[in-house]
Amino acid sequence: MQETQLKVFIDKNCGGVKAVADKTNLTSRAVYKWATKGSLPRTEFSDETKYAEDLSDLSGFSASEIKEMFKPQPQLEEA
């Protein structure tokens, strides 16, 4: 797995993937998918989920800071 900023954040500030999985009631595999993509899932930005709040509880960063840091980046189209 590539080291993304989100993976580093989870490891350094949230106690690792297992801690995040336990807090969010997700599997470690689901959290690894976020980490690989380097962003929180789309559902976080359509207010269907509140994972940033869970990460905030673990890390001490605000949920809004976390959402801003780890929002999905637009995909570039290949020519």
Protein backbone atom coordinates (compact mmCIF):
# COMPACT_ATOMS: atom_id res chain seq x y z
CA MET A 1 0.00 0.00 0.00
CA GLN A 2 1.28 3.45 -0.85
CA GLU A 3 1.88 5.91 1.98
CA THR A 4 -0.65 8.70 1.49
CA GLN A 5 -1.04 11.73 3.73
CA LEU A 6 -4.26 10.20 5.07
CA LYS A 7 -2.47 6.95 6.00
CA VAL A 8 0.26 8.92 7.78
CA PHE A 9 -2.40 11.00 9.58
CA ILE A 10 -4.24 7.85 10.70
CA ASP A 11 -1.03 6.23 11.96
CA LYS A 12 0.43 9.29 13.70
CA ASN A 13 -2.70 10.99 15.06
CA CYS A 14 -5.46 8.41 15.37
CA GLY A 15 -3.73 5.32 16.74
CA GLY A 16 -3.63 3.38 13.47
CA VAL A 17 -6.06 1.70 11.13
CA LYS A 18 -7.51 -0.68 13.74
CA ALA A 19 -8.33 2.19 16.11
CA VAL A 20 -10.10 4.07 13.30
CA ALA A 21 -11.95 0.93 12.21
CA ASP A 22 -13.13 0.31 15.77
CA LYS A 23 -14.23 3.94 16.26
CA THR A 24 -16.12 4.11 12.93
CA ASN A 25 -17.61 0.60 13.17
CA LEU A 26 -15.99 -0.28 9.85
CA THR A 27 -13.58 -3.01 8.87
CA SER A 28 -9.87 -2.35 8.69
CA ARG A 29 -10.12 -3.11 4.97
CA ALA A 30 -12.60 -0.23 4.50
CA VAL A 31 -10.24 2.18 6.29
CA TYR A 32 -7.30 0.92 4.19
CA LYS A 33 -9.35 1.80 1.08
CA TRP A 34 -9.60 5.41 2.26
CA ALA A 35 -5.91 5.44 3.07
CA THR A 36 -4.97 4.09 -0.36
CA LYS A 37 -7.12 6.70 -2.10
CA GLY A 38 -5.81 9.42 0.19
CA SER A 39 -9.27 10.84 0.86
CA LEU A 40 -12.35 10.28 2.94
CA PRO A 41 -15.26 8.61 1.14
CA ARG A 42 -17.69 10.68 -0.95
CA THR A 43 -20.43 10.02 1.62
CA GLU A 44 -18.52 12.17 4.10
CA PHE A 45 -18.99 15.23 1.89
CA SER A 46 -22.67 14.61 1.17
CA ASP A 47 -23.31 14.39 4.94
CA GLU A 48 -24.36 10.73 4.75
CA THR A 49 -21.58 9.76 7.20
CA LYS A 50 -19.69 11.46 10.02
CA TYR A 51 -16.27 9.76 9.87
CA ALA A 52 -14.42 13.09 10.21
CA GLU A 53 -16.04 13.50 13.63
CA ASP A 54 -14.76 10.07 14.64
CA LEU A 55 -11.26 10.95 13.40
CA SER A 56 -11.55 14.23 15.30
CA ASP A 57 -12.33 12.36 18.53
CA LEU A 58 -9.20 10.24 18.04
CA SER A 59 -6.82 12.95 16.83
CA GLY A 60 -7.81 16.24 18.42
CA PHE A 61 -8.04 17.94 14.99
CA SER A 62 -11.44 19.47 14.19
CA ALA A 63 -13.76 17.57 11.87
CA SER A 64 -13.79 20.51 9.45
CA GLU A 65 -9.96 20.52 9.31
CA ILE A 66 -9.95 16.79 8.59
CA LYS A 67 -12.55 17.12 5.84
CA GLU A 68 -10.57 19.93 4.24
CA MET A 69 -7.28 18.00 4.41
CA PHE A 70 -8.68 14.78 2.98
CA LYS A 71 -11.31 15.77 0.45
CA PRO A 72 -11.30 13.83 -2.84
CA GLN A 73 -9.19 15.34 -5.58
CA PRO A 74 -10.70 15.67 -9.06
CA GLN A 75 -9.56 12.97 -11.45
CA LEU A 76 -7.59 14.14 -14.46
CA GLU A 77 -8.84 12.77 -17.74
CA GLU A 78 -6.27 10.99 -19.86
CA ALA A 79 -6.00 12.13 -23.47
